[in-house]
């Protein structure tokens, strides 16, 4: 009877913290990854802050397309900062412990920022669609009001739809294991430690992914189908080339973003054989887009390059071509 009582009491215990063990299978040398990850994080911060300063400083960049880019920069800073300080603390100082509330807050922040990034890409696709398919109505459709409404809708959509993930995760009972084979608190990684049924958590995660990322990806694809159809109707090869060039930066970013989402999903399916691969992909997917999004736009957008030069004092007499 005493044994039964001890088992019953132990089954009611709740762990007080989680342990993020890092990259599974390569714990001995995972600290060597801290340098490239730190450089990516610093690059993401500097590049996105520079984007924001340049857009604010240059009156010619006070246009919806660049305002959306500025919002994307804010989201990228938030996404990278949600995970990188803790990851670097794990790799540098072996600070693997994280409280349950912190872990659930990180789950919420990661999914909110990821959904917002996807939503901003959708808004950018709408901007390019209107600019190419309805150029005469562009200024009346895509204006400052459009940017404000689109931003608020993305914040509300992702801020509200993501709430069930950490709430449901917090309702699970964590009675024995508390080690997470990851560098960050992923929803499925955390709930896999629960002692009770997590079916509702998995269903909610899948539904959120389809509604936000899947829905955005479908609408972005539809927008570009209509853009390509409109461009192919142009009689001038020069006009066709110019129209496509205005979409090139955005197209590169969305292909990279959604391809990474698909690759991440596939690697999770094969994660049992080489478990550190999906974990590493998950980390990189949260830090690489924030680092490289500004670079893509800077390299392919003349107005932004000129703005950078002026802000940095490298081209006082620079004039637009």
C-alpha atoms as a PDB file:
ATOM      1  CA  UNK A   1       0.000   0.000   0.000  1.00  0.00           C
ATOM      2  CA  UNK A   2       2.916   2.328   0.785  1.00  0.00           C
ATOM      3  CA  UNK A   3       4.400   1.632  -2.626  1.00  0.00           C
ATOM      4  CA  UNK A   4       1.112   2.481  -4.334  1.00  0.00           C
ATOM      5  CA  UNK A   5       0.934   5.728  -2.362  1.00  0.00           C
ATOM      6  CA  UNK A   6       4.462   6.722  -3.380  1.00  0.00           C
ATOM      7  CA  UNK A   7       3.713   6.009  -7.043  1.00  0.00           C
ATOM      8  CA  UNK A   8       0.476   7.950  -6.862  1.00  0.00           C
ATOM      9  CA  UNK A   9       2.181  10.905  -5.204  1.00  0.00           C
ATOM     10  CA  UNK A  10       5.102  10.893  -7.649  1.00  0.00           C
ATOM     11  CA  UNK A  11       2.740  10.805 -10.606  1.00  0.00           C
ATOM     12  CA  UNK A  12       1.286  14.083  -9.383  1.00  0.00           C
ATOM     13  CA  UNK A  13       4.635  15.820  -9.261  1.00  0.00           C
ATOM     14  CA  UNK A  14       5.157  18.696 -11.683  1.00  0.00           C
ATOM     15  CA  UNK A  15       8.632  19.581 -12.953  1.00  0.00           C
ATOM     16  CA  UNK A  16       9.651  23.145 -12.086  1.00  0.00           C
ATOM     17  CA  UNK A  17      11.868  23.788 -15.113  1.00  0.00           C
ATOM     18  CA  UNK A  18      12.943  22.372 -18.448  1.00  0.00           C
ATOM     19  CA  UNK A  19      16.499  21.647 -19.535  1.00  0.00           C
ATOM     20  CA  UNK A  20      17.427  22.615 -23.109  1.00  0.00           C
ATOM     21  CA  UNK A  21      20.243  20.178 -23.854  1.00  0.00           C
ATOM     22  CA  UNK A  22      21.154  21.727 -27.205  1.00  0.00           C
ATOM     23  CA  UNK A  23      21.790  19.852 -30.436  1.00  0.00           C
ATOM     24  CA  UNK A  24      21.142  16.133 -29.885  1.00  0.00           C
ATOM     25  CA  UNK A  25      24.015  13.818 -30.732  1.00  0.00           C
ATOM     26  CA  UNK A  26      26.707  16.508 -30.953  1.00  0.00           C
ATOM     27  CA  UNK A  27      26.713  17.932 -27.409  1.00  0.00           C
ATOM     28  CA  UNK A  28      30.500  17.596 -27.115  1.00  0.00           C
ATOM     29  CA  UNK A  29      31.323  20.035 -29.901  1.00  0.00           C
ATOM     30  CA  UNK A  30      28.123  22.057 -30.338  1.00  0.00           C
ATOM     31  CA  UNK A  31      29.842  25.083 -28.726  1.00  0.00           C
ATOM     32  CA  UNK A  32      31.792  25.522 -31.977  1.00  0.00           C
ATOM     33  CA  UNK A  33      28.532  26.542 -33.618  1.00  0.00           C
ATOM     34  CA  UNK A  34      28.231  29.525 -31.296  1.00  0.00           C
ATOM     35  CA  UNK A  35      30.509  31.747 -33.400  1.00  0.00           C
ATOM     36  CA  UNK A  36      28.625  31.447 -36.734  1.00  0.00           C
ATOM     37  CA  UNK A  37      25.281  31.704 -34.920  1.00  0.00           C
ATOM     38  CA  UNK A  38      26.446  34.808 -33.026  1.00  0.00           C
ATOM     39  CA  UNK A  39      27.667  36.376 -36.275  1.00  0.00           C
ATOM     40  CA  UNK A  40      24.326  35.650 -37.950  1.00  0.00           C
ATOM     41  CA  UNK A  41      22.476  37.240 -35.023  1.00  0.00           C
ATOM     42  CA  UNK A  42      24.685  40.352 -35.040  1.00  0.00           C
ATOM     43  CA  UNK A  43      24.268  40.612 -38.815  1.00  0.00           C
ATOM     44  CA  UNK A  44      20.491  40.333 -38.447  1.00  0.00           C
ATOM     45  CA  UNK A  45      20.382  43.102 -35.826  1.00  0.00           C
ATOM     46  CA  UNK A  46      22.688  45.492 -37.686  1.00  0.00           C
ATOM     47  CA  UNK A  47      21.165  44.940 -41.123  1.00  0.00           C
ATOM     48  CA  UNK A  48      17.553  45.308 -39.982  1.00  0.00           C
ATOM     49  CA  UNK A  49      18.271  48.348 -37.807  1.00  0.00           C
ATOM     50  CA  UNK A  50      20.048  49.895 -40.796  1.00  0.00           C
ATOM     51  CA  UNK A  51      16.980  49.167 -42.930  1.00  0.00           C
ATOM     52  CA  UNK A  52      14.746  50.958 -40.405  1.00  0.00           C
ATOM     53  CA  UNK A  53      17.064  53.966 -40.097  1.00  0.00           C
ATOM     54  CA  UNK A  54      17.408  54.278 -43.870  1.00  0.00           C
ATOM     55  CA  UNK A  55      13.672  54.118 -44.520  1.00  0.00           C
ATOM     56  CA  UNK A  56      13.054  56.696 -41.795  1.00  0.00           C
ATOM     57  CA  UNK A  57      15.877  58.967 -43.021  1.00  0.00           C
ATOM     58  CA  UNK A  58      15.074  58.920 -46.750  1.00  0.00           C
ATOM     59  CA  UNK A  59      11.800  60.679 -47.755  1.00  0.00           C
ATOM     60  CA  UNK A  60      11.854  58.891 -51.114  1.00  0.00           C
ATOM     61  CA  UNK A  61      11.488  55.567 -49.272  1.00  0.00           C
ATOM     62  CA  UNK A  62       8.271  56.618 -47.515  1.00  0.00           C
ATOM     63  CA  UNK A  63       6.271  54.361 -49.830  1.00  0.00           C
ATOM     64  CA  UNK A  64       4.104  51.333 -48.983  1.00  0.00           C
ATOM     65  CA  UNK A  65       6.604  48.827 -50.391  1.00  0.00           C
ATOM     66  CA  UNK A  66       9.413  50.134 -48.179  1.00  0.00           C
ATOM     67  CA  UNK A  67       7.115  50.637 -45.196  1.00  0.00           C
ATOM     68  CA  UNK A  68       6.217  46.944 -45.413  1.00  0.00           C
ATOM     69  CA  UNK A  69       9.929  46.176 -45.621  1.00  0.00           C
ATOM     70  CA  UNK A  70      10.445  48.195 -42.441  1.00  0.00           C
ATOM     71  CA  UNK A  71       7.727  46.199 -40.681  1.00  0.00           C
ATOM     72  CA  UNK A  72       9.402  42.997 -41.885  1.00  0.00           C
ATOM     73  CA  UNK A  73      12.668  44.259 -40.370  1.00  0.00           C
ATOM     74  CA  UNK A  74      10.961  44.775 -36.983  1.00  0.00           C
ATOM     75  CA  UNK A  75       9.475  41.270 -37.136  1.00  0.00           C
ATOM     76  CA  UNK A  76      12.868  39.803 -38.084  1.00  0.00           C
ATOM     77  CA  UNK A  77      14.549  41.505 -35.120  1.00  0.00           C
ATOM     78  CA  UNK A  78      11.836  40.144 -32.825  1.00  0.00           C
ATOM     79  CA  UNK A  79      12.104  36.620 -34.233  1.00  0.00           C
ATOM     80  CA  UNK A  80      15.890  36.432 -33.941  1.00  0.00           C
ATOM     81  CA  UNK A  81      15.923  38.000 -30.453  1.00  0.00           C
ATOM     82  CA  UNK A  82      13.301  35.538 -29.231  1.00  0.00           C
ATOM     83  CA  UNK A  83      15.682  32.608 -29.552  1.00  0.00           C
ATOM     84  CA  UNK A  84      19.305  33.671 -30.066  1.00  0.00           C
ATOM     85  CA  UNK A  85      20.208  35.073 -26.605  1.00  0.00           C
ATOM     86  CA  UNK A  86      19.087  31.825 -24.943  1.00  0.00           C
ATOM     87  CA  UNK A  87      20.832  29.653 -27.547  1.00  0.00           C
ATOM     88  CA  UNK A  88      24.109  31.554 -27.088  1.00  0.00           C
ATOM     89  CA  UNK A  89      23.715  31.313 -23.302  1.00  0.00           C
ATOM     90  CA  UNK A  90      23.404  27.524 -23.665  1.00  0.00           C
ATOM     91  CA  UNK A  91      26.458  27.250 -25.941  1.00  0.00           C
ATOM     92  CA  UNK A  92      28.683  29.709 -24.040  1.00  0.00           C
ATOM     93  CA  UNK A  93      27.662  29.426 -20.390  1.00  0.00           C
ATOM     94  CA  UNK A  94      25.900  26.049 -20.269  1.00  0.00           C
ATOM     95  CA  UNK A  95      22.761  27.888 -19.070  1.00  0.00           C
ATOM     96  CA  UNK A  96      20.398  25.122 -20.093  1.00  0.00           C
ATOM     97  CA  UNK A  97      17.638  25.598 -17.514  1.00  0.00           C
ATOM     98  CA  UNK A  98      14.491  27.501 -18.499  1.00  0.00           C
ATOM     99  CA  UNK A  99      11.392  27.984 -16.369  1.00  0.00           C
ATOM    100  CA  UNK A 100       8.035  26.712 -17.590  1.00  0.00           C
ATOM    101  CA  UNK A 101       6.522  30.217 -18.021  1.00  0.00           C
ATOM    102  CA  UNK A 102       9.605  31.346 -20.000  1.00  0.00           C
ATOM    103  CA  UNK A 103       9.382  28.277 -22.191  1.00  0.00           C
ATOM    104  CA  UNK A 104       5.676  28.757 -22.931  1.00  0.00           C
ATOM    105  CA  UNK A 105       6.295  32.459 -23.632  1.00  0.00           C
ATOM    106  CA  UNK A 106       9.001  31.502 -26.133  1.00  0.00           C
ATOM    107  CA  UNK A 107       6.609  29.101 -27.872  1.00  0.00           C
ATOM    108  CA  UNK A 108       4.115  31.937 -28.220  1.00  0.00           C
ATOM    109  CA  UNK A 109       6.682  34.465 -29.464  1.00  0.00           C
ATOM    110  CA  UNK A 110       8.248  32.134 -32.046  1.00  0.00           C
ATOM    111  CA  UNK A 111       4.933  31.161 -33.625  1.00  0.00           C
ATOM    112  CA  UNK A 112       3.610  34.732 -33.530  1.00  0.00           C
ATOM    113  CA  UNK A 113       6.663  36.216 -35.252  1.00  0.00           C
ATOM    114  CA  UNK A 114       6.800  33.375 -37.800  1.00  0.00           C
ATOM    115  CA  UNK A 115       3.143  33.903 -38.668  1.00  0.00           C
ATOM    116  CA  UNK A 116       3.660  37.663 -38.905  1.00  0.00           C
ATOM    117  CA  UNK A 117       6.619  37.215 -41.255  1.00  0.00           C
ATOM    118  CA  UNK A 118       4.506  35.009 -43.494  1.00  0.00           C
ATOM    119  CA  UNK A 119       1.686  37.570 -43.338  1.00  0.00           C
ATOM    120  CA  UNK A 120       3.993  40.448 -44.296  1.00  0.00           C
ATOM    121  CA  UNK A 121       5.178  38.448 -47.310  1.00  0.00           C
ATOM    122  CA  UNK A 122       1.522  38.080 -48.305  1.00  0.00           C
ATOM    123  CA  UNK A 123       1.000  41.861 -47.972  1.00  0.00           C
ATOM    124  CA  UNK A 124       4.077  42.423 -50.144  1.00  0.00           C
ATOM    125  CA  UNK A 125       2.662  40.043 -52.753  1.00  0.00           C
ATOM    126  CA  UNK A 126      -0.600  42.014 -52.779  1.00  0.00           C
ATOM    127  CA  UNK A 127       1.422  45.225 -53.175  1.00  0.00           C
ATOM    128  CA  UNK A 128       3.242  43.839 -56.228  1.00  0.00           C
ATOM    129  CA  UNK A 129       0.020  42.384 -57.648  1.00  0.00           C
ATOM    130  CA  UNK A 130      -1.761  45.743 -57.533  1.00  0.00           C
ATOM    131  CA  UNK A 131       1.332  47.590 -58.830  1.00  0.00           C
ATOM    132  CA  UNK A 132       1.606  45.372 -61.914  1.00  0.00           C
ATOM    133  CA  UNK A 133      -1.988  44.379 -62.633  1.00  0.00           C
ATOM    134  CA  UNK A 134      -3.686  47.676 -61.679  1.00  0.00           C
ATOM    135  CA  UNK A 135      -0.992  50.353 -61.969  1.00  0.00           C
ATOM    136  CA  UNK A 136      -3.436  53.234 -62.427  1.00  0.00           C
ATOM    137  CA  UNK A 137      -5.276  52.391 -59.202  1.00  0.00           C
ATOM    138  CA  UNK A 138      -2.117  51.556 -57.219  1.00  0.00           C
ATOM    139  CA  UNK A 139      -1.811  54.830 -55.303  1.00  0.00           C
ATOM    140  CA  UNK A 140      -5.468  54.765 -54.287  1.00  0.00           C
ATOM    141  CA  UNK A 141      -5.437  51.099 -53.186  1.00  0.00           C
ATOM    142  CA  UNK A 142      -1.980  50.623 -51.691  1.00  0.00           C
ATOM    143  CA  UNK A 143      -1.400  53.640 -49.486  1.00  0.00           C
ATOM    144  CA  UNK A 144      -0.529  54.415 -45.885  1.00  0.00           C
ATOM    145  CA  UNK A 145      -3.976  53.291 -44.762  1.00  0.00           C
ATOM    146  CA  UNK A 146      -3.453  49.937 -46.477  1.00  0.00           C
ATOM    147  CA  UNK A 147      -0.134  49.453 -44.666  1.00  0.00           C
ATOM    148  CA  UNK A 148      -1.661  50.295 -41.268  1.00  0.00           C
ATOM    149  CA  UNK A 149      -4.668  48.008 -41.778  1.00  0.00           C
ATOM    150  CA  UNK A 150      -2.510  45.169 -43.113  1.00  0.00           C
ATOM    151  CA  UNK A 151      -0.090  45.451 -40.200  1.00  0.00           C
ATOM    152  CA  UNK A 152      -2.829  45.525 -37.576  1.00  0.00           C
ATOM    153  CA  UNK A 153      -4.583  42.568 -39.180  1.00  0.00           C
ATOM    154  CA  UNK A 154      -1.351  40.527 -39.168  1.00  0.00           C
ATOM    155  CA  UNK A 155      -0.660  41.416 -35.516  1.00  0.00           C
ATOM    156  CA  UNK A 156      -4.201  40.525 -34.435  1.00  0.00           C
ATOM    157  CA  UNK A 157      -4.400  37.371 -36.546  1.00  0.00           C
ATOM    158  CA  UNK A 158      -1.173  35.857 -35.308  1.00  0.00           C
ATOM    159  CA  UNK A 159      -1.360  37.277 -31.808  1.00  0.00           C
ATOM    160  CA  UNK A 160      -4.787  35.723 -31.231  1.00  0.00           C
ATOM    161  CA  UNK A 161      -4.518  32.484 -33.210  1.00  0.00           C
ATOM    162  CA  UNK A 162      -1.245  31.552 -31.494  1.00  0.00           C
ATOM    163  CA  UNK A 163      -2.631  31.855 -27.945  1.00  0.00           C
ATOM    164  CA  UNK A 164      -3.972  28.249 -27.787  1.00  0.00           C
ATOM    165  CA  UNK A 165      -0.486  26.757 -28.314  1.00  0.00           C
ATOM    166  CA  UNK A 166       1.152  27.930 -25.057  1.00  0.00           C
ATOM    167  CA  UNK A 167      -2.146  27.732 -23.144  1.00  0.00           C
ATOM    168  CA  UNK A 168      -2.660  24.076 -24.081  1.00  0.00           C
ATOM    169  CA  UNK A 169       1.023  23.309 -23.461  1.00  0.00           C
ATOM    170  CA  UNK A 170       0.757  24.850 -19.973  1.00  0.00           C
ATOM    171  CA  UNK A 171      -2.265  22.655 -19.197  1.00  0.00           C
ATOM    172  CA  UNK A 172      -0.313  19.451 -19.785  1.00  0.00           C
ATOM    173  CA  UNK A 173       1.147  17.560 -16.824  1.00  0.00           C
ATOM    174  CA  UNK A 174       4.954  17.246 -16.820  1.00  0.00           C
ATOM    175  CA  UNK A 175       5.686  14.673 -14.147  1.00  0.00           C
ATOM    176  CA  UNK A 176       8.990  12.964 -14.979  1.00  0.00           C
ATOM    177  CA  UNK A 177      11.208  13.966 -17.902  1.00  0.00           C
ATOM    178  CA  UNK A 178      12.250  17.585 -18.283  1.00  0.00           C
ATOM    179  CA  UNK A 179      15.116  17.418 -20.803  1.00  0.00           C
ATOM    180  CA  UNK A 180      14.320  18.823 -24.259  1.00  0.00           C
ATOM    181  CA  UNK A 181      16.612  17.717 -27.105  1.00  0.00           C
ATOM    182  CA  UNK A 182      16.609  21.202 -28.589  1.00  0.00           C
ATOM    183  CA  UNK A 183      18.117  24.685 -28.292  1.00  0.00           C
ATOM    184  CA  UNK A 184      14.717  26.332 -27.994  1.00  0.00           C
ATOM    185  CA  UNK A 185      11.215  25.587 -26.745  1.00  0.00           C
ATOM    186  CA  UNK A 186       9.358  24.117 -29.695  1.00  0.00           C
ATOM    187  CA  UNK A 187       5.712  23.314 -29.061  1.00  0.00           C
ATOM    188  CA  UNK A 188       5.934  19.661 -30.091  1.00  0.00           C
ATOM    189  CA  UNK A 189       9.278  19.196 -28.334  1.00  0.00           C
ATOM    190  CA  UNK A 190       7.881  20.485 -25.046  1.00  0.00           C
ATOM    191  CA  UNK A 191       4.558  18.657 -25.152  1.00  0.00           C
ATOM    192  CA  UNK A 192       6.316  15.379 -25.991  1.00  0.00           C
ATOM    193  CA  UNK A 193       7.516  15.411 -22.365  1.00  0.00           C
ATOM    194  CA  UNK A 194       3.956  15.482 -20.997  1.00  0.00           C
ATOM    195  CA  UNK A 195       2.617  12.504 -19.069  1.00  0.00           C
ATOM    196  CA  UNK A 196      -0.934  12.907 -20.349  1.00  0.00           C
ATOM    197  CA  UNK A 197      -2.517  12.900 -23.817  1.00  0.00           C
ATOM    198  CA  UNK A 198      -1.213  15.605 -26.200  1.00  0.00           C
ATOM    199  CA  UNK A 199      -3.439  14.895 -29.209  1.00  0.00           C
ATOM    200  CA  UNK A 200      -5.165  18.263 -28.914  1.00  0.00           C
ATOM    201  CA  UNK A 201      -1.766  19.994 -28.892  1.00  0.00           C
ATOM    202  CA  UNK A 202      -0.704  18.289 -32.112  1.00  0.00           C
ATOM    203  CA  UNK A 203      -4.030  19.028 -33.809  1.00  0.00           C
ATOM    204  CA  UNK A 204      -3.834  22.683 -32.770  1.00  0.00           C
ATOM    205  CA  UNK A 205      -0.262  22.975 -34.074  1.00  0.00           C
ATOM    206  CA  UNK A 206      -1.248  21.440 -37.417  1.00  0.00           C
ATOM    207  CA  UNK A 207      -4.344  23.630 -37.732  1.00  0.00           C
ATOM    208  CA  UNK A 208      -2.370  26.796 -36.977  1.00  0.00           C
ATOM    209  CA  UNK A 209       0.272  25.889 -39.563  1.00  0.00           C
ATOM    210  CA  UNK A 210      -2.341  25.280 -42.269  1.00  0.00           C
ATOM    211  CA  UNK A 211      -4.377  28.386 -41.474  1.00  0.00           C
ATOM    212  CA  UNK A 212      -1.450  30.827 -41.289  1.00  0.00           C
ATOM    213  CA  UNK A 213       1.554  29.548 -43.229  1.00  0.00           C
ATOM    214  CA  UNK A 214      -0.439  27.315 -45.579  1.00  0.00           C
ATOM    215  CA  UNK A 215      -3.089  29.931 -46.272  1.00  0.00           C
ATOM    216  CA  UNK A 216      -0.511  32.676 -46.832  1.00  0.00           C
ATOM    217  CA  UNK A 217       1.550  30.466 -49.138  1.00  0.00           C
ATOM    218  CA  UNK A 218      -1.510  29.628 -51.237  1.00  0.00           C
ATOM    219  CA  UNK A 219      -2.509  33.293 -51.575  1.00  0.00           C
ATOM    220  CA  UNK A 220       1.058  34.351 -52.417  1.00  0.00           C
ATOM    221  CA  UNK A 221       1.207  31.669 -55.112  1.00  0.00           C
ATOM    222  CA  UNK A 222      -2.143  32.814 -56.521  1.00  0.00           C
ATOM    223  CA  UNK A 223      -0.925  36.426 -56.562  1.00  0.00           C
ATOM    224  CA  UNK A 224       2.158  35.525 -58.571  1.00  0.00           C
ATOM    225  CA  UNK A 225       0.161  33.408 -61.006  1.00  0.00           C
ATOM    226  CA  UNK A 226      -1.949  36.500 -61.734  1.00  0.00           C
ATOM    227  CA  UNK A 227       1.170  38.680 -61.929  1.00  0.00           C
ATOM    228  CA  UNK A 228       2.854  36.352 -64.426  1.00  0.00           C
ATOM    229  CA  UNK A 229      -0.327  36.160 -66.498  1.00  0.00           C
ATOM    230  CA  UNK A 230      -0.532  39.955 -66.591  1.00  0.00           C
ATOM    231  CA  UNK A 231       3.156  40.354 -67.447  1.00  0.00           C
ATOM    232  CA  UNK A 232       2.964  37.861 -70.319  1.00  0.00           C
ATOM    233  CA  UNK A 233       0.286  40.026 -71.914  1.00  0.00           C
ATOM    234  CA  UNK A 234       2.680  42.963 -72.221  1.00  0.00           C
ATOM    235  CA  UNK A 235       3.831  43.607 -75.767  1.00  0.00           C
ATOM    236  CA  UNK A 236       7.187  45.138 -74.905  1.00  0.00           C
ATOM    237  CA  UNK A 237      10.075  42.945 -73.772  1.00  0.00           C
ATOM    238  CA  UNK A 238      11.495  45.921 -71.886  1.00  0.00           C
ATOM    239  CA  UNK A 239       8.205  46.443 -70.029  1.00  0.00           C
ATOM    240  CA  UNK A 240       8.088  42.733 -69.182  1.00  0.00           C
ATOM    241  CA  UNK A 241      11.645  42.796 -67.832  1.00  0.00           C
ATOM    242  CA  UNK A 242      10.962  45.922 -65.760  1.00  0.00           C
ATOM    243  CA  UNK A 243       7.768  44.477 -64.307  1.00  0.00           C
ATOM    244  CA  UNK A 244       9.469  41.241 -63.297  1.00  0.00           C
ATOM    245  CA  UNK A 245      12.473  43.068 -61.832  1.00  0.00           C
ATOM    246  CA  UNK A 246      10.197  44.919 -59.401  1.00  0.00           C
ATOM    247  CA  UNK A 247       9.132  41.534 -57.990  1.00  0.00           C
ATOM    248  CA  UNK A 248      12.528  39.827 -57.955  1.00  0.00           C
ATOM    249  CA  UNK A 249      13.601  40.748 -54.407  1.00  0.00           C
ATOM    250  CA  UNK A 250      10.277  39.763 -52.905  1.00  0.00           C
ATOM    251  CA  UNK A 251      10.136  36.561 -54.938  1.00  0.00           C
ATOM    252  CA  UNK A 252      13.590  35.496 -53.740  1.00  0.00           C
ATOM    253  CA  UNK A 253      12.596  36.042 -50.106  1.00  0.00           C
ATOM    254  CA  UNK A 254       9.299  34.166 -50.268  1.00  0.00           C
ATOM    255  CA  UNK A 255      10.836  31.222 -52.148  1.00  0.00           C
ATOM    256  CA  UNK A 256      13.566  31.013 -49.505  1.00  0.00           C
ATOM    257  CA  UNK A 257      11.109  31.365 -46.610  1.00  0.00           C
ATOM    258  CA  UNK A 258       8.492  28.845 -47.732  1.00  0.00           C
ATOM    259  CA  UNK A 259      11.067  26.382 -49.089  1.00  0.00           C
ATOM    260  CA  UNK A 260      12.716  26.442 -45.662  1.00  0.00           C
ATOM    261  CA  UNK A 261       9.326  25.769 -44.026  1.00  0.00           C
ATOM    262  CA  UNK A 262       8.765  22.745 -46.278  1.00  0.00           C
ATOM    263  CA  UNK A 263      12.331  21.441 -45.769  1.00  0.00           C
ATOM    264  CA  UNK A 264      11.949  21.871 -42.008  1.00  0.00           C
ATOM    265  CA  UNK A 265       8.736  19.829 -42.046  1.00  0.00           C
ATOM    266  CA  UNK A 266      10.355  17.060 -44.095  1.00  0.00           C
ATOM    267  CA  UNK A 267      13.457  16.882 -41.887  1.00  0.00           C
ATOM    268  CA  UNK A 268      11.261  16.498 -38.806  1.00  0.00           C
ATOM    269  CA  UNK A 269       9.805  13.357 -40.371  1.00  0.00           C
ATOM    270  CA  UNK A 270      13.313  11.932 -40.799  1.00  0.00           C
ATOM    271  CA  UNK A 271      14.554  13.269 -37.457  1.00  0.00           C
ATOM    272  CA  UNK A 272      14.732   9.918 -35.675  1.00  0.00           C
ATOM    273  CA  UNK A 273      17.745   8.725 -37.672  1.00  0.00           C
ATOM    274  CA  UNK A 274      19.747  11.973 -37.439  1.00  0.00           C
ATOM    275  CA  UNK A 275      17.989  13.972 -34.685  1.00  0.00           C
ATOM    276  CA  UNK A 276      20.285  17.022 -34.706  1.00  0.00           C
ATOM    277  CA  UNK A 277      19.416  17.898 -38.350  1.00  0.00           C
ATOM    278  CA  UNK A 278      15.804  19.054 -37.766  1.00  0.00           C
ATOM    279  CA  UNK A 279      16.917  20.891 -34.605  1.00  0.00           C
ATOM    280  CA  UNK A 280      19.706  22.701 -36.486  1.00  0.00           C
ATOM    281  CA  UNK A 281      17.338  23.493 -39.377  1.00  0.00           C
ATOM    282  CA  UNK A 282      14.809  24.879 -36.915  1.00  0.00           C
ATOM    283  CA  UNK A 283      17.409  27.200 -35.382  1.00  0.00           C
ATOM    284  CA  UNK A 284      18.721  28.347 -38.767  1.00  0.00           C
ATOM    285  CA  UNK A 285      15.203  28.951 -40.054  1.00  0.00           C
ATOM    286  CA  UNK A 286      14.668  31.390 -37.201  1.00  0.00           C
ATOM    287  CA  UNK A 287      17.905  33.326 -37.672  1.00  0.00           C
ATOM    288  CA  UNK A 288      18.916  33.104 -41.349  1.00  0.00           C
ATOM    289  CA  UNK A 289      15.920  34.941 -42.879  1.00  0.00           C
ATOM    290  CA  UNK A 290      16.359  37.919 -40.493  1.00  0.00           C
ATOM    291  CA  UNK A 291      20.044  38.063 -41.464  1.00  0.00           C
ATOM    292  CA  UNK A 292      19.629  37.731 -45.228  1.00  0.00           C
ATOM    293  CA  UNK A 293      16.309  39.477 -45.971  1.00  0.00           C
ATOM    294  CA  UNK A 294      17.872  42.977 -45.761  1.00  0.00           C
ATOM    295  CA  UNK A 295      20.840  41.893 -47.865  1.00  0.00           C
ATOM    296  CA  UNK A 296      18.610  40.655 -50.690  1.00  0.00           C
ATOM    297  CA  UNK A 297      16.697  43.927 -50.820  1.00  0.00           C
ATOM    298  CA  UNK A 298      19.888  45.991 -50.510  1.00  0.00           C
ATOM    299  CA  UNK A 299      21.573  44.168 -53.378  1.00  0.00           C
ATOM    300  CA  UNK A 300      18.590  44.328 -55.729  1.00  0.00           C
ATOM    301  CA  UNK A 301      17.007  47.702 -54.950  1.00  0.00           C
ATOM    302  CA  UNK A 302      18.776  50.805 -56.254  1.00  0.00           C
ATOM    303  CA  UNK A 303      16.862  53.266 -54.049  1.00  0.00           C
ATOM    304  CA  UNK A 304      17.731  51.299 -50.906  1.00  0.00           C
ATOM    305  CA  UNK A 305      21.411  51.061 -51.843  1.00  0.00           C
ATOM    306  CA  UNK A 306      21.575  54.825 -52.358  1.00  0.00           C
ATOM    307  CA  UNK A 307      19.801  55.334 -49.037  1.00  0.00           C
ATOM    308  CA  UNK A 308      22.335  53.102 -47.268  1.00  0.00           C
ATOM    309  CA  UNK A 309      25.195  55.100 -48.754  1.00  0.00           C
ATOM    310  CA  UNK A 310      23.714  58.360 -47.582  1.00  0.00           C
ATOM    311  CA  UNK A 311      22.963  57.130 -44.071  1.00  0.00           C
ATOM    312  CA  UNK A 312      26.472  55.705 -43.728  1.00  0.00           C
ATOM    313  CA  UNK A 313      28.011  58.844 -45.211  1.00  0.00           C
ATOM    314  CA  UNK A 314      29.562  56.909 -48.091  1.00  0.00           C
ATOM    315  CA  UNK A 315      27.908  58.851 -50.885  1.00  0.00           C
ATOM    316  CA  UNK A 316      27.100  62.453 -50.086  1.00  0.00           C
ATOM    317  CA  UNK A 317      26.893  63.289 -53.781  1.00  0.00           C
ATOM    318  CA  UNK A 318      25.179  60.078 -54.858  1.00  0.00           C
ATOM    319  CA  UNK A 319      22.391  60.608 -57.322  1.00  0.00           C
ATOM    320  CA  UNK A 320      19.885  58.063 -58.518  1.00  0.00           C
ATOM    321  CA  UNK A 321      20.380  56.556 -61.884  1.00  0.00           C
END
